[in-house]
Protein backbone atom coordinates (compact mmCIF):
# COMPACT_ATOMS: atom_id res chain seq x y z
CA MET A 1 113.26 16.20 164.69
CA THR A 2 112.56 12.85 166.28
CA THR A 3 108.80 12.76 166.62
CA THR A 4 106.93 9.75 165.26
CA GLU A 5 103.47 11.13 164.49
CA PRO A 6 101.85 10.08 161.17
CA THR A 7 103.54 11.53 158.15
CA THR A 8 101.98 13.72 155.48
CA PRO A 9 102.14 12.32 151.92
CA ALA A 10 104.63 14.17 149.74
CA ALA A 11 101.94 14.80 147.13
CA ASP A 12 99.86 16.71 149.72
CA ARG A 13 102.85 18.81 150.77
CA ALA A 14 103.50 19.74 147.15
CA ALA A 15 99.86 20.69 146.46
CA PRO A 16 100.36 24.44 147.16
CA LEU A 17 103.21 24.49 144.65
CA ARG A 18 101.05 22.93 141.94
CA ASP A 19 98.21 25.32 142.68
CA LEU A 20 100.19 28.55 142.85
CA LEU A 21 103.27 28.12 140.68
CA PRO A 22 103.43 27.22 136.98
CA PRO A 23 104.21 23.56 136.34
CA VAL A 24 107.55 22.53 134.90
CA THR A 25 106.98 20.99 131.48
CA ARG A 26 109.47 18.92 129.54
CA ARG A 27 109.52 16.90 126.33
CA ARG A 28 107.86 13.53 126.94
CA THR A 29 109.92 10.37 126.76
CA ARG A 30 109.56 8.89 123.28
CA VAL A 31 109.49 5.10 122.85
CA GLY A 32 109.63 3.65 119.35
CA LEU A 33 107.88 0.35 118.69
CA VAL A 34 108.26 -2.06 115.82
CA ALA A 35 106.89 -5.61 115.66
CA GLY A 36 107.93 -8.24 113.18
CA GLY A 37 107.95 -11.77 111.92
CA LEU A 38 109.09 -13.69 108.84
CA GLY A 39 106.77 -12.89 105.95
CA THR A 40 107.38 -16.30 104.34
CA TYR A 41 104.95 -17.72 106.90
CA TRP A 42 101.93 -15.58 106.01
CA PRO A 43 100.75 -17.40 102.85
CA GLN A 44 101.67 -20.75 104.39
CA PHE A 45 99.61 -20.20 107.57
CA PRO A 46 96.86 -17.62 106.90
CA GLY A 47 95.69 -17.39 110.52
CA LEU A 48 99.13 -16.60 111.93
CA LEU A 49 99.60 -12.93 111.00
CA PRO A 50 96.25 -11.76 112.44
CA GLN A 51 97.12 -13.48 115.73
CA LEU A 52 100.56 -11.86 115.85
CA LYS A 53 99.17 -8.42 115.05
CA GLU A 54 96.68 -8.84 117.88
CA SER A 55 99.60 -9.49 120.23
CA ALA A 56 101.38 -6.42 118.84
CA SER A 57 98.31 -4.30 119.57
CA TYR A 58 98.37 -5.48 123.18
CA VAL A 59 102.05 -4.51 123.49
CA THR A 60 101.26 -1.07 122.07
CA GLU A 61 98.43 -0.62 124.55
CA ARG A 62 100.61 -1.62 127.51
CA LEU A 63 103.43 0.71 126.49
CA THR A 64 101.06 3.68 126.22
CA ARG A 65 100.27 3.29 129.92
CA LEU A 66 103.88 4.03 130.88
CA ASP A 67 103.84 7.84 130.66
CA ALA A 68 105.62 7.88 127.32
CA GLU A 69 104.83 8.91 123.77
CA VAL A 70 104.77 5.68 121.74
CA VAL A 71 105.85 5.91 118.10
CA ASP A 72 104.47 2.72 116.56
CA VAL A 73 105.89 2.17 113.07
CA GLY A 74 103.92 -1.01 112.48
CA PHE A 75 104.75 -4.57 111.51
CA VAL A 76 107.74 -5.66 109.41
CA SER A 77 107.80 -8.86 107.38
CA ASP A 78 111.06 -8.67 105.43
CA ALA A 79 114.34 -6.77 105.16
CA GLN A 80 112.79 -4.04 103.02
CA ASP A 81 110.14 -3.42 105.67
CA GLY A 82 112.85 -3.32 108.31
CA ALA A 83 114.82 -0.68 106.41
CA ALA A 84 111.71 1.47 105.99
CA ALA A 85 110.90 1.16 109.70
CA ALA A 86 114.48 2.10 110.54
CA GLU A 87 114.14 5.33 108.58
CA ARG A 88 110.85 6.25 110.30
CA LEU A 89 112.38 5.58 113.70
CA ARG A 90 115.47 7.59 112.83
CA ARG A 91 113.29 10.59 112.09
CA ALA A 92 111.25 10.07 115.26
CA ASP A 93 114.29 10.65 117.50
CA CYS A 94 113.22 8.15 120.17
CA ASP A 95 114.77 7.59 123.58
CA LEU A 96 114.29 3.81 123.38
CA ILE A 97 113.17 1.44 120.65
CA VAL A 98 111.21 -1.68 121.58
CA LEU A 99 111.62 -4.43 118.99
CA PHE A 100 108.80 -6.95 119.51
CA LEU A 101 109.60 -10.35 118.03
CA THR A 102 106.26 -12.06 117.44
CA THR A 103 107.65 -15.17 115.73
CA TYR A 104 110.90 -16.13 114.11
CA LEU A 105 112.44 -13.45 111.91
CA THR A 106 115.87 -13.03 110.38
CA SER A 107 118.41 -10.68 111.90
CA SER A 108 118.74 -8.87 108.55
CA MET A 109 115.25 -7.52 109.15
CA VAL A 110 116.13 -5.74 112.38
CA LEU A 111 119.83 -4.84 112.28
CA PRO A 112 119.16 -1.63 110.28
CA ILE A 113 116.74 -0.48 112.96
CA ALA A 114 119.50 -0.44 115.56
CA GLN A 115 122.18 0.84 113.19
CA ARG A 116 120.35 3.75 111.58
CA SER A 117 118.31 5.04 114.50
CA HIS A 118 121.32 5.59 116.80
CA THR A 119 118.92 4.71 119.63
CA PRO A 120 119.20 1.96 122.27
CA VAL A 121 117.09 -1.09 121.40
CA LEU A 122 115.22 -3.46 123.72
CA VAL A 123 114.35 -6.80 122.14
CA VAL A 124 111.08 -8.15 123.52
CA ASP A 125 109.89 -11.73 123.01
CA LEU A 126 106.46 -12.43 124.52
CA GLN A 127 104.77 -15.65 123.45
CA PRO A 128 100.94 -15.71 123.62
CA SER A 129 100.60 -17.74 126.86
CA GLU A 130 102.56 -19.70 129.46
CA ARG A 131 102.84 -22.82 127.30
CA MET A 132 101.67 -24.48 124.13
CA ASP A 133 98.73 -26.88 124.05
CA HIS A 134 100.67 -29.71 122.43
CA PRO A 135 97.79 -32.07 121.54
CA SER A 136 95.89 -29.40 119.60
CA PHE A 137 98.75 -27.37 118.10
CA ASP A 138 99.76 -27.60 114.47
CA THR A 139 102.75 -25.87 112.86
CA GLY A 140 100.94 -22.55 112.43
CA ALA A 141 99.94 -22.45 116.10
CA TRP A 142 103.47 -23.34 117.17
CA LEU A 143 105.01 -20.53 115.12
CA ALA A 144 103.31 -17.96 117.37
CA TYR A 145 105.47 -19.36 120.19
CA CYS A 146 108.86 -19.55 118.48
CA ALA A 147 110.11 -15.96 118.61
CA GLN A 148 112.69 -17.14 121.15
CA CYS A 149 114.52 -18.75 118.25
CA SER A 150 115.42 -15.29 116.97
CA VAL A 151 116.68 -13.87 120.25
CA PRO A 152 120.13 -15.53 120.19
CA GLU A 153 120.48 -14.71 116.50
CA VAL A 154 119.76 -11.03 117.08
CA GLY A 155 122.05 -11.01 120.12
CA ASN A 156 124.89 -12.50 118.09
CA VAL A 157 124.52 -10.05 115.23
CA PHE A 158 124.21 -7.05 117.53
CA ARG A 159 127.43 -8.06 119.27
CA ARG A 160 129.26 -8.48 115.97
CA ALA A 161 127.97 -5.06 114.89
CA GLY A 162 129.10 -3.44 118.15
CA ILE A 163 125.52 -2.76 119.31
CA PRO A 164 124.59 -3.33 122.98
CA PHE A 165 122.03 -6.12 123.32
CA ARG A 166 119.14 -6.04 125.81
CA SER A 167 116.17 -8.38 125.91
CA VAL A 168 113.09 -9.37 127.87
CA SER A 169 111.61 -12.81 127.17
CA GLY A 170 108.36 -14.06 128.64
CA TRP A 171 104.69 -14.41 127.75
CA LEU A 172 102.26 -11.73 126.69
CA ARG A 173 100.42 -11.09 129.96
CA GLN A 174 103.21 -12.10 132.33
CA GLU A 175 103.41 -9.25 134.85
CA SER A 176 106.97 -10.10 135.90
CA ALA A 177 108.06 -9.68 132.27
CA TRP A 178 106.21 -6.39 132.05
CA ARG A 179 107.92 -5.16 135.19
CA ARG A 180 111.24 -5.75 133.44
CA ILE A 181 109.99 -3.86 130.39
CA GLU A 182 108.76 -1.03 132.60
CA GLN A 183 112.23 -0.82 134.13
CA TRP A 184 113.71 -0.17 130.70
CA VAL A 185 111.07 2.50 130.03
CA ARG A 186 111.99 4.18 133.32
CA ALA A 187 115.59 4.09 132.13
CA ALA A 188 114.40 5.74 128.91
CA HIS A 189 112.90 8.52 131.05
CA VAL A 190 116.42 9.14 132.37
CA ARG A 191 117.93 9.16 128.89
CA ALA A 192 115.23 11.55 127.69
CA ALA A 193 115.74 13.90 130.62
CA LEU A 194 119.52 14.03 130.19
CA ARG A 195 119.52 14.27 126.39
CA HIS A 196 117.41 17.41 126.49
CA ALA A 197 118.45 18.92 129.83
CA ARG A 198 119.77 22.41 130.34
CA HIS A 199 121.91 22.49 133.48
CA GLY A 200 122.44 25.84 135.14
CA LEU A 201 125.83 26.38 136.82
CA MET A 202 125.97 29.64 138.75
CA GLY A 203 128.85 31.18 140.65
CA HIS A 204 132.16 29.42 141.18
CA LEU A 205 133.71 26.25 142.58
CA TYR A 206 133.78 25.82 146.35
CA PRO A 207 137.51 26.43 147.03
CA GLY A 208 139.44 23.22 147.55
CA MET A 209 136.68 20.74 146.64
CA LEU A 210 138.57 19.03 143.83
CA ASP A 211 136.04 16.16 143.63
CA VAL A 212 133.29 18.64 142.72
CA SER A 213 135.16 19.99 139.70
CA THR A 214 133.54 18.77 136.47
CA ASP A 215 134.68 18.97 132.87
CA LEU A 216 131.76 20.91 131.37
CA THR A 217 132.30 19.35 127.95
CA LEU A 218 131.57 15.88 129.35
CA LEU A 219 127.86 16.43 129.86
CA PRO A 220 127.07 17.43 126.27
CA ALA A 221 129.55 14.85 124.96
CA THR A 222 128.16 11.99 127.08
CA PHE A 223 124.45 12.78 127.37
CA GLY A 224 123.70 15.57 124.91
CA SER A 225 122.91 17.96 127.77
CA HIS A 226 123.67 21.68 127.70
CA VAL A 227 125.46 23.50 130.52
CA GLU A 228 124.43 27.14 130.89
CA VAL A 229 127.15 29.02 132.78
CA LEU A 230 125.54 31.78 134.85
CA GLU A 231 126.74 34.67 136.98
CA PHE A 232 125.29 35.58 140.35
CA ASP A 233 124.64 38.94 138.71
CA ASP A 234 122.05 37.14 136.54
CA LEU A 235 120.21 36.44 139.79
CA ARG A 236 120.94 39.86 141.33
CA HIS A 237 119.42 41.58 138.30
CA ARG A 238 116.16 39.63 138.81
CA VAL A 239 116.12 40.10 142.59
CA GLU A 240 116.19 43.86 142.11
CA ARG A 241 112.96 43.62 140.11
CA VAL A 242 110.95 41.60 142.64
CA THR A 243 108.14 43.68 144.14
CA GLU A 244 107.13 43.75 147.80
CA ALA A 245 103.79 42.20 146.84
CA GLU A 246 105.56 39.30 145.14
CA THR A 247 107.70 38.78 148.23
CA ARG A 248 104.64 38.70 150.50
CA GLU A 249 102.93 36.25 148.15
CA ARG A 250 105.95 33.94 148.21
CA MET A 251 106.11 34.14 152.01
CA ALA A 252 102.44 33.11 152.17
CA LEU A 253 103.19 30.15 149.88
CA ALA A 254 106.13 29.12 152.05
CA ARG A 255 103.93 29.15 155.14
CA LYS A 256 101.62 26.66 153.43
CA VAL A 257 104.50 24.34 152.55
CA PHE A 258 106.75 24.72 155.61
CA THR A 259 106.38 24.96 159.35
CA LEU A 260 108.22 28.06 160.57
CA ASP A 261 110.43 27.58 163.61
CA ASP A 262 110.60 30.36 166.21
CA SER A 263 114.23 30.91 165.18
CA VAL A 264 113.19 32.36 161.79
CA VAL A 265 113.84 36.10 161.56
CA ASP A 266 111.23 37.95 159.51
CA GLU A 267 113.84 39.93 157.58
CA ASP A 268 115.72 36.76 156.60
CA PHE A 269 112.46 35.02 155.68
CA ALA A 270 111.48 37.91 153.42
CA TRP A 271 114.91 37.90 151.79
CA GLY A 272 114.68 34.18 151.08
CA ALA A 273 111.23 34.69 149.57
CA THR A 274 112.51 37.51 147.36
CA VAL A 275 115.39 35.39 146.12
CA SER A 276 112.92 32.54 145.52
CA VAL A 277 110.80 34.67 143.17
CA ALA A 278 113.93 35.73 141.29
CA LEU A 279 115.15 32.12 141.05
CA ASP A 280 111.90 31.12 139.38
CA ARG A 281 112.43 33.82 136.77
CA LEU A 282 116.05 32.83 136.28
CA VAL A 283 115.04 29.22 135.64
CA GLN A 284 112.28 30.28 133.26
CA ASP A 285 114.39 32.80 131.37
CA PHE A 286 117.22 30.34 130.76
CA GLY A 287 115.02 27.26 130.37
CA LEU A 288 116.86 25.37 133.11
CA ASP A 289 116.18 21.77 134.16
CA THR A 290 118.70 21.79 137.04
CA LEU A 291 120.70 24.36 138.96
CA ALA A 292 123.99 24.08 140.84
CA TYR A 293 125.40 27.14 142.57
CA TYR A 294 127.93 28.56 145.03
CA HIS A 295 129.37 31.96 145.86
CA ARG A 296 131.73 32.64 148.74
CA GLY A 297 131.09 36.36 149.19
CA LEU A 298 132.64 38.79 151.65
CA ASP A 299 131.47 40.81 154.68
CA GLY A 300 127.76 40.74 153.91
CA GLU A 301 128.03 42.19 150.39
CA GLN A 302 125.22 41.60 147.89
CA HIS A 303 126.50 38.42 146.30
CA GLU A 304 127.13 36.84 149.69
CA ARG A 305 123.54 37.65 150.68
CA LEU A 306 122.27 36.17 147.43
CA GLY A 307 124.16 32.93 148.06
CA ALA A 308 122.89 32.76 151.64
CA GLY A 309 119.30 33.41 150.55
CA MET A 310 119.09 30.53 148.06
CA ILE A 311 117.88 27.66 150.26
CA LEU A 312 114.16 28.39 150.38
CA GLY A 313 113.81 29.09 146.67
CA ALA A 314 116.09 26.23 145.64
CA SER A 315 114.05 23.79 147.75
CA LEU A 316 110.81 24.99 146.16
CA LEU A 317 112.36 24.62 142.71
CA THR A 318 113.51 21.10 143.53
CA ALA A 319 110.01 20.17 144.72
CA ARG A 320 108.58 21.43 141.42
CA GLY A 321 110.95 19.28 139.37
CA VAL A 322 114.02 21.49 138.88
CA PRO A 323 116.67 19.88 141.12
CA ALA A 324 119.02 22.32 142.82
CA ALA A 325 122.33 21.62 144.56
CA GLY A 326 124.63 23.90 146.48
CA GLU A 327 128.43 23.97 146.55
CA TYR A 328 128.61 24.11 142.73
CA GLU A 329 127.70 20.43 142.57
CA LEU A 330 126.82 20.04 138.90
CA ARG A 331 127.18 16.25 138.86
CA THR A 332 124.95 15.90 141.90
CA SER A 333 122.24 18.09 140.38
CA VAL A 334 122.39 15.73 137.37
CA ALA A 335 122.08 12.73 139.71
CA GLN A 336 119.07 14.40 141.33
CA LEU A 337 117.44 14.79 137.90
CA VAL A 338 118.08 11.10 137.22
CA SER A 339 116.53 10.14 140.58
CA GLN A 340 113.53 12.34 139.87
CA SER A 341 113.09 10.81 136.42
CA VAL A 342 112.51 7.33 137.91
CA GLY A 343 110.05 8.67 140.50
CA GLY A 344 112.32 8.69 143.55
CA GLY A 345 112.64 12.39 144.33
CA GLY A 346 116.34 12.99 144.85
CA SER A 347 117.78 15.24 147.55
CA PHE A 348 121.28 16.73 147.96
CA THR A 349 123.11 14.49 150.48
CA GLU A 350 126.45 13.69 152.11
CA ILE A 351 127.67 11.69 155.13
CA GLN A 352 127.21 13.40 158.50
CA ALA A 353 128.41 10.76 160.98
CA LEU A 354 128.44 7.01 161.73
CA ASN A 355 126.52 5.31 164.51
CA PHE A 356 128.23 2.01 165.27
CA GLU A 357 125.84 1.13 168.09
CA ASP A 358 122.81 1.20 165.80
CA GLY A 359 124.70 0.19 162.65
CA VAL A 360 123.62 3.20 160.58
CA VAL A 361 125.17 5.89 158.43
CA GLU A 362 123.77 9.34 159.24
CA MET A 363 123.31 11.41 156.08
CA GLY A 364 122.01 14.79 155.12
CA HIS A 365 123.01 18.26 153.99
CA ASP A 366 122.27 21.89 154.54
CA GLY A 367 120.89 23.82 151.61
CA PRO A 368 118.19 22.81 149.11
CA ALA A 369 116.13 19.73 149.88
CA HIS A 370 113.55 17.67 147.99
CA LEU A 371 110.15 17.68 149.70
CA ALA A 372 109.26 14.37 148.03
CA VAL A 373 111.62 12.50 150.37
CA SER A 374 110.49 14.17 153.60
CA ALA A 375 108.79 12.19 156.35
CA ARG A 376 106.62 15.09 157.53
CA ASP A 377 105.94 18.77 156.91
CA PRO A 378 109.38 20.38 156.42
CA LEU A 379 110.62 23.01 158.84
CA LEU A 380 112.17 26.40 158.09
CA ARG A 381 114.85 27.06 160.72
CA GLY A 382 116.72 30.34 161.16
CA LEU A 383 120.50 30.01 161.26
CA GLY A 384 122.80 32.76 162.41
CA VAL A 385 125.69 31.06 160.64
CA TYR A 386 126.01 28.54 157.81
CA HIS A 387 128.75 26.06 158.65
CA GLY A 388 131.56 26.20 156.12
CA LYS A 389 129.87 29.05 154.21
CA ARG A 390 129.51 32.77 154.64
CA GLY A 391 126.18 34.37 155.44
CA TRP A 392 123.07 33.55 157.42
CA GLY A 393 119.36 33.10 156.90
CA VAL A 394 116.66 30.42 156.73
CA SER A 395 117.37 26.75 156.08
CA VAL A 396 115.18 23.69 155.42
CA GLU A 397 115.05 20.87 157.96
CA PHE A 398 113.27 17.50 157.90
CA ASP A 399 113.92 13.80 158.28
CA VAL A 400 113.64 11.39 155.35
CA GLN A 401 110.76 8.93 155.02
CA HIS A 402 111.46 5.65 156.77
CA GLY A 403 111.88 2.73 154.38
CA PRO A 404 113.98 1.86 151.33
CA VAL A 405 116.20 4.49 149.72
CA THR A 406 118.73 4.50 146.91
CA LEU A 407 121.81 6.70 146.65
CA LEU A 408 123.06 7.79 143.24
CA GLY A 409 126.32 9.59 142.61
CA LEU A 410 127.76 10.64 139.28
CA GLY A 411 131.44 9.72 139.18
CA GLN A 412 134.18 10.98 136.87
CA ASP A 413 137.19 8.74 136.30
CA ALA A 414 140.83 9.38 135.38
CA ASP A 415 140.06 9.04 131.67
CA GLY A 416 137.28 11.63 132.06
CA SER A 417 134.42 9.16 131.63
CA LEU A 418 131.27 9.47 133.71
CA SER A 419 129.65 6.67 135.69
CA PHE A 420 126.56 5.98 137.79
CA ILE A 421 127.36 4.83 141.33
CA ALA A 422 124.50 3.50 143.47
CA SER A 423 123.75 1.89 146.81
CA GLU A 424 120.46 0.73 148.32
CA GLY A 425 119.70 0.99 152.04
CA THR A 426 116.85 1.52 154.48
CA VAL A 427 116.08 4.66 156.48
CA VAL A 428 115.33 3.68 160.07
CA PRO A 429 113.99 5.69 163.03
CA GLY A 430 116.21 7.19 165.69
CA PRO A 431 117.65 10.48 166.98
CA LEU A 432 118.54 13.15 164.44
CA LEU A 433 120.32 16.50 164.52
CA GLU A 434 118.16 19.63 164.56
CA ILE A 435 120.50 22.02 162.77
CA GLY A 436 118.59 23.10 159.65
CA ASN A 437 119.58 20.08 157.55
CA THR A 438 117.76 17.24 155.84
CA THR A 439 118.83 14.18 157.81
CA SER A 440 118.40 10.42 157.77
CA ARG A 441 119.75 7.25 159.38
CA VAL A 442 120.49 4.70 156.67
CA ASP A 443 121.04 1.03 157.39
CA PHE A 444 123.02 -0.69 154.62
CA GLY A 445 122.98 -4.09 156.31
CA ARG A 446 126.67 -4.01 157.16
CA ASP A 447 129.18 -2.31 159.44
CA PRO A 448 128.89 1.45 158.73
CA GLY A 449 132.66 1.86 158.46
CA GLU A 450 132.92 -0.98 155.96
CA TRP A 451 130.15 0.58 153.89
CA VAL A 452 131.95 3.95 153.85
CA ASP A 453 135.17 2.26 152.69
CA ALA A 454 133.40 0.38 149.88
CA TRP A 455 131.36 3.43 148.84
CA SER A 456 134.40 5.71 148.75
CA ALA A 457 136.42 3.19 146.73
CA THR A 458 133.98 3.52 143.81
CA GLY A 459 135.24 7.02 143.04
CA VAL A 460 131.98 8.71 144.02
CA GLY A 461 132.33 12.31 145.18
CA HIS A 462 131.35 13.40 148.68
CA HIS A 463 127.87 14.50 147.55
CA TRP A 464 125.11 12.44 145.93
CA SER A 465 121.36 12.19 145.42
CA LEU A 466 119.16 10.32 147.91
CA ALA A 467 115.95 8.90 146.41
CA VAL A 468 113.13 7.06 148.14
CA GLY A 469 112.47 3.49 146.97
CA ARG A 470 114.57 0.73 145.42
CA HIS A 471 116.02 2.09 142.18
CA ALA A 472 119.41 0.43 141.68
CA ALA A 473 118.03 -1.70 138.84
CA ASP A 474 116.58 1.41 137.20
CA PHE A 475 119.92 3.21 137.44
CA ARG A 476 121.75 0.16 136.08
CA ALA A 477 119.40 0.06 133.09
CA ALA A 478 119.75 3.82 132.56
CA ALA A 479 123.54 3.52 132.55
CA SER A 480 123.19 0.85 129.86
CA LEU A 481 121.04 3.12 127.67
CA LEU A 482 123.46 6.02 128.22
CA GLY A 483 126.54 3.91 127.47
CA ILE A 484 128.32 4.66 130.76
CA ASP A 485 129.76 2.49 133.53
CA TYR A 486 127.65 1.41 136.51
CA ARG A 487 128.93 0.51 139.98
CA GLU A 488 126.93 -0.62 142.99
CA VAL A 489 127.79 -1.03 146.68
């Protein structure tokens, strides 16, 4: 599809899904907040504490705007207060703790918070304004500006205690500082999603794809996620219970979301709609947050037809917030969830070809696609054969929004450890294949062959998530909170 007419916003394309299908609800990201300063100052400078608490209230208010549940445990003034705050935060089970230094404090006041909560900590130092008014300031006024003195002390002690140190220093209403804080909260969204995720894995490995194979213990060990191993019979059982009325209703929904190409066969369309209804029930029954699947099948038997009928329903699930990936790509479905958690969508992607004349890497994939990254109303195309897979049916086709995109792959190294692997590029206009795939032309600002060499050397697999927007910094921060390696090309 190479037309250039105005695009339809992704939110408008998803409206029928919100109206007709139940929303996907998850536990909200939980951010702990504790502010503090050295209590020795309070009797010496009576006006200081009220000023600092006013700043702390502003920080609380700003954090509550960031689509997170804020657990504010108050203001600490000594080591005993710090220990009590640590216990409250431990019980709160937060995804990130923001430690707001309002003035100088001792590291003994805050070390227990990081040690006992077992939660990543972000140290924030925001003085009241851009600078002091030297002629009018006395010692009490200056102390509201000296929290920076504590930052190296806390950093030193965290390092000696084996605790990762992160900080944002600035002034209270400095928007550039708040953008850095917001980045860490977006990273906390990722940690929250992965800590509580239930990943569905249905079918079996695509034969020969050794890079796709994943140690299932790694996800719960690294993130706290659960992997629910499913059979295609779990889906078959639910397909058999879908009524004709439910199939017709799902076909009507699909017509509102997709444009149907003349190649779509009614029988195949109805089958995809039936499987879609059953997929929704499968996800609900098992409480899934992602789904990766593959089944080879044989000679048109039931399981082959189930595998071939997945694309419509898996794309609708992905659009509703349950990322789906074909070819048994568990790590890519996780990467899609990460991309979604930072607001970038996240669609199943691989390299299609290189265009050395235009300097672009052509990317895409057959199978499930994320409507949030599409440049226009997606198309349902009928395919008489799925390349590299058995079966036939309807497939989703669209081109990706022009503009910045970020790739995210989830790598697994020789020692078994997981890593985030990212690269930022720009989707540019130009000719695209019309073969029932999501497709894009990505300019990485370098020779396409050189980019492929550098990208492949990271250890990324041959599938990844494509998200709209610049998110490398978000993924880097998320890797820090998750305690895994991060690589960028």
